[in-house]
Amino acid sequence: MNSFSKILVTFLLLTAGVQAQNEVYTTPVETEIADTTFVRLRDYSNDFIYDMKYATEDNFLKAKVYDCAECMLRLKTVKALIAANNDFLKKGYKIKLYDCYRPLDIQKKMWKIVSNPEYVADPKKGSIHNRGGAVDISLVDITGKEVDMGTPFDFFGIQASHNFKQLSKEILSKRAYLKKVMIKNGFNSFDSEWWHYNLKSGLKDKVANQKWKCD
């Protein structure tokens, strides 16, 4: 091999080495997010309807306690909720959200307005909403019309209970359907409120005061 050939081979080897290094450094590194991380549901799915009641005055408190309408949850809750919603979508329904994660400061604000444990959880103990593992939901049909569940959201009467059977067969069927799908996807129901569901694996998470930015 003459001198020119040697120089050419050396150049080609160096070029290949540089390209290989660039490939190593330019390959994106995927960061795994812990299941307990708080995330925005909107960033993971566009298949939900939002009616975040506590970001308005249209609630039993008659006061706006959130600065903006946002659904934050722990990632594991988001995954389970999306799985449930996918089941509903197959049947022509989708989840409508009334409330999601509730920071502890918001719980304190609610307690100050209504200091009654029958309606608001005492912030000293905290609730599953404060842990990022609870959602208040209903269903809408393919036209966007909310399914009749017998009572409005946050109705504090016996008629809101899963155990109340003096309702039409259609309403009882829709409540049972909502409950069945949610339980299948890792949630527990709350007997006195047809709209409230807790993620089973979120019950032991710590009460949090995670905040979000309003756009």
Protein backbone atom coordinates (compact mmCIF):
# COMPACT_ATOMS: atom_id res chain seq x y z
CA MET A 1 0.00 0.00 0.00
CA ASN A 2 1.48 3.35 -1.02
CA SER A 3 1.50 6.48 1.16
CA PHE A 4 -1.56 7.97 -0.50
CA SER A 5 -3.59 4.80 0.10
CA LYS A 6 -2.55 4.73 3.73
CA ILE A 7 -3.62 8.35 4.17
CA LEU A 8 -6.96 7.63 2.47
CA VAL A 9 -7.66 4.59 4.68
CA THR A 10 -6.77 6.55 7.82
CA PHE A 11 -9.11 9.40 6.77
CA LEU A 12 -11.98 7.01 6.14
CA LEU A 13 -11.51 5.31 9.51
CA LEU A 14 -11.42 8.65 11.34
CA THR A 15 -14.54 9.82 9.50
CA ALA A 16 -16.39 6.64 10.43
CA GLY A 17 -15.32 7.07 14.05
CA VAL A 18 -16.60 10.65 14.17
CA GLN A 19 -19.94 9.59 12.64
CA ALA A 20 -20.25 6.79 15.18
CA GLN A 21 -19.58 9.20 18.05
CA ASN A 22 -22.16 11.64 16.69
CA GLU A 23 -24.71 8.85 16.47
CA VAL A 24 -24.09 7.97 20.09
CA TYR A 25 -24.47 11.51 21.32
CA THR A 26 -27.40 12.51 19.13
CA THR A 27 -29.56 9.50 20.00
CA PRO A 28 -32.36 10.79 22.27
CA VAL A 29 -32.35 9.38 25.78
CA GLU A 30 -35.79 8.36 27.06
CA THR A 31 -36.41 9.35 30.67
CA GLU A 32 -38.71 7.03 32.55
CA ILE A 33 -41.27 8.85 34.69
CA ALA A 34 -42.24 7.37 38.03
CA ASP A 35 -45.88 6.28 38.34
CA THR A 36 -46.32 8.60 41.33
CA THR A 37 -45.32 11.72 39.35
CA PHE A 38 -48.03 14.35 38.95
CA VAL A 39 -48.90 14.97 35.29
CA ARG A 40 -51.61 16.71 33.25
CA LEU A 41 -54.19 14.37 31.81
CA ARG A 42 -54.43 16.55 28.68
CA ASP A 43 -50.79 15.72 27.88
CA TYR A 44 -51.64 12.01 27.63
CA SER A 45 -55.09 11.97 25.99
CA ASN A 46 -57.54 14.23 24.16
CA ASP A 47 -60.44 11.84 24.63
CA PHE A 48 -61.98 13.37 27.77
CA ILE A 49 -64.64 16.00 28.41
CA TYR A 50 -63.92 18.57 31.14
CA ASP A 51 -66.38 20.33 33.43
CA MET A 52 -64.12 21.20 36.35
CA LYS A 53 -66.73 22.46 38.78
CA TYR A 54 -64.42 23.92 41.43
CA ALA A 55 -62.81 26.20 38.85
CA THR A 56 -66.24 27.87 38.65
CA GLU A 57 -68.92 28.97 41.11
CA ASP A 58 -71.24 26.22 39.85
CA ASN A 59 -70.68 23.91 42.81
CA PHE A 60 -72.05 23.29 46.30
CA LEU A 61 -69.52 25.74 47.78
CA LYS A 62 -70.85 28.51 45.51
CA ALA A 63 -67.23 29.61 45.19
CA LYS A 64 -64.37 29.26 42.72
CA VAL A 65 -61.45 27.61 44.53
CA TYR A 66 -59.18 26.66 41.59
CA ASP A 67 -57.40 29.39 39.64
CA CYS A 68 -58.03 27.49 36.41
CA ALA A 69 -59.64 24.32 35.11
CA GLU A 70 -56.98 21.62 35.04
CA CYS A 71 -56.92 17.88 35.67
CA MET A 72 -53.72 16.81 37.39
CA LEU A 73 -53.25 13.24 38.62
CA ARG A 74 -50.46 10.86 39.44
CA LEU A 75 -49.27 9.07 36.31
CA LYS A 76 -50.57 5.68 37.45
CA THR A 77 -54.05 7.21 37.90
CA VAL A 78 -53.85 8.71 34.41
CA LYS A 79 -52.92 5.34 32.91
CA ALA A 80 -55.83 3.60 34.63
CA LEU A 81 -58.26 6.37 33.68
CA ILE A 82 -57.24 6.24 30.02
CA ALA A 83 -57.68 2.46 30.02
CA ALA A 84 -61.18 2.87 31.45
CA ASN A 85 -62.02 5.59 28.94
CA ASN A 86 -60.88 3.36 26.08
CA ASP A 87 -63.41 0.77 27.25
CA PHE A 88 -66.15 3.41 27.30
CA LEU A 89 -65.19 4.69 23.85
CA LYS A 90 -65.73 1.23 22.38
CA LYS A 91 -69.38 1.51 23.46
CA GLY A 92 -69.89 5.09 22.28
CA TYR A 93 -69.26 6.88 25.58
CA LYS A 94 -66.45 8.90 27.12
CA ILE A 95 -65.59 10.16 30.58
CA LYS A 96 -66.58 13.63 31.72
CA LEU A 97 -64.44 14.99 34.56
CA TYR A 98 -65.67 17.18 37.42
CA ASP A 99 -62.63 17.02 39.70
CA CYS A 100 -59.21 15.36 39.83
CA TYR A 101 -56.21 15.96 42.06
CA ARG A 102 -56.88 18.60 44.69
CA PRO A 103 -53.86 20.30 46.31
CA LEU A 104 -53.92 20.45 50.11
CA ASP A 105 -54.11 24.26 50.03
CA ILE A 106 -57.35 23.95 48.02
CA GLN A 107 -58.70 21.43 50.54
CA LYS A 108 -58.01 23.96 53.31
CA LYS A 109 -59.80 26.65 51.33
CA MET A 110 -62.83 24.39 50.86
CA TRP A 111 -62.82 23.47 54.56
CA LYS A 112 -62.81 27.14 55.47
CA ILE A 113 -65.96 27.65 53.39
CA VAL A 114 -67.75 24.49 54.56
CA SER A 115 -66.27 23.05 57.78
CA ASN A 116 -68.39 19.93 57.78
CA PRO A 117 -66.79 16.47 57.29
CA GLU A 118 -70.05 15.21 55.79
CA TYR A 119 -69.38 17.44 52.77
CA VAL A 120 -65.66 18.29 52.82
CA ALA A 121 -62.77 16.13 54.04
CA ASP A 122 -60.87 17.62 56.97
CA PRO A 123 -57.49 18.81 55.57
CA LYS A 124 -55.79 17.59 58.75
CA LYS A 125 -56.45 14.06 57.51
CA GLY A 126 -56.57 14.75 53.80
CA SER A 127 -58.53 12.82 51.21
CA ILE A 128 -57.71 10.58 48.27
CA HIS A 129 -58.27 13.68 46.08
CA ASN A 130 -55.29 15.25 47.89
CA ARG A 131 -53.22 12.17 47.02
CA GLY A 132 -53.81 12.35 43.26
CA GLY A 133 -55.71 9.07 43.18
CA ALA A 134 -59.36 10.16 42.96
CA VAL A 135 -61.61 11.40 40.18
CA ASP A 136 -65.18 12.67 40.11
CA ILE A 137 -66.70 11.64 36.80
CA SER A 138 -69.75 10.94 34.69
CA LEU A 139 -70.27 9.80 31.10
CA VAL A 140 -71.32 11.55 27.91
CA ASP A 141 -72.68 9.80 24.82
CA ILE A 142 -71.43 10.08 21.25
CA THR A 143 -73.32 13.38 20.78
CA GLY A 144 -71.69 14.89 23.89
CA LYS A 145 -74.87 14.70 25.95
CA GLU A 146 -74.32 13.79 29.58
CA VAL A 147 -75.78 10.45 30.61
CA ASP A 148 -78.59 10.70 33.18
CA MET A 149 -77.26 9.24 36.43
CA GLY A 150 -80.28 10.17 38.53
CA THR A 151 -78.78 13.16 40.39
CA PRO A 152 -76.40 15.99 39.58
CA PHE A 153 -72.75 15.86 40.64
CA ASP A 154 -72.25 16.75 44.35
CA PHE A 155 -75.84 15.99 45.24
CA PHE A 156 -75.81 15.24 48.98
CA GLY A 157 -78.81 13.01 49.31
CA ILE A 158 -79.50 9.30 49.53
CA GLN A 159 -80.45 9.25 45.84
CA ALA A 160 -76.76 9.69 44.94
CA SER A 161 -75.81 6.41 46.58
CA HIS A 162 -75.02 3.25 44.64
CA ASN A 163 -77.25 1.47 47.15
CA PHE A 164 -80.32 3.57 46.31
CA LYS A 165 -82.45 1.45 43.99
CA GLN A 166 -85.62 3.55 43.64
CA LEU A 167 -84.57 4.83 40.23
CA SER A 168 -85.43 3.85 36.68
CA LYS A 169 -83.88 0.68 35.25
CA GLU A 170 -82.01 2.80 32.70
CA ILE A 171 -80.37 4.98 35.36
CA LEU A 172 -79.47 1.99 37.53
CA SER A 173 -78.04 0.27 34.45
CA LYS A 174 -75.84 3.27 33.57
CA ARG A 175 -74.55 3.59 37.15
CA ALA A 176 -73.77 -0.14 37.19
CA TYR A 177 -72.01 0.14 33.82
CA LEU A 178 -69.88 3.07 35.01
CA LYS A 179 -68.97 1.18 38.18
CA LYS A 180 -68.19 -2.08 36.37
CA VAL A 181 -65.75 -0.51 33.92
CA MET A 182 -64.01 1.60 36.56
CA ILE A 183 -63.55 -1.37 38.90
CA LYS A 184 -62.23 -3.46 36.01
CA ASN A 185 -59.53 -0.82 35.47
CA GLY A 186 -58.30 -0.62 39.06
CA PHE A 187 -60.67 1.80 40.78
CA ASN A 188 -62.91 1.49 43.84
CA SER A 189 -66.34 3.10 43.99
CA PHE A 190 -67.57 5.28 46.84
CA ASP A 191 -70.95 4.04 48.10
CA SER A 192 -72.59 7.40 48.79
CA GLU A 193 -71.43 9.16 45.58
CA TRP A 194 -72.00 7.54 42.18
CA TRP A 195 -69.46 9.93 40.59
CA HIS A 196 -66.48 9.31 42.90
CA TYR A 197 -63.78 6.71 42.14
CA ASN A 198 -60.48 5.98 43.92
CA LEU A 199 -57.50 4.23 42.37
CA LYS A 200 -56.85 1.20 44.58
CA SER A 201 -53.08 1.54 44.32
CA GLY A 202 -53.23 5.24 45.24
CA LEU A 203 -54.70 4.90 48.70
CA LYS A 204 -51.31 4.78 50.42
CA ASP A 205 -49.75 7.69 48.54
CA LYS A 206 -48.94 10.78 50.58
CA VAL A 207 -51.12 13.86 50.73
CA ALA A 208 -49.54 16.44 48.43
CA ASN A 209 -49.67 20.14 47.70
CA GLN A 210 -48.43 20.00 44.12
CA LYS A 211 -49.38 23.12 42.11
CA TRP A 212 -49.83 23.69 38.40
CA LYS A 213 -49.41 26.72 36.19
CA CYS A 214 -52.42 28.29 34.51
CA ASP A 215 -51.92 29.08 30.81
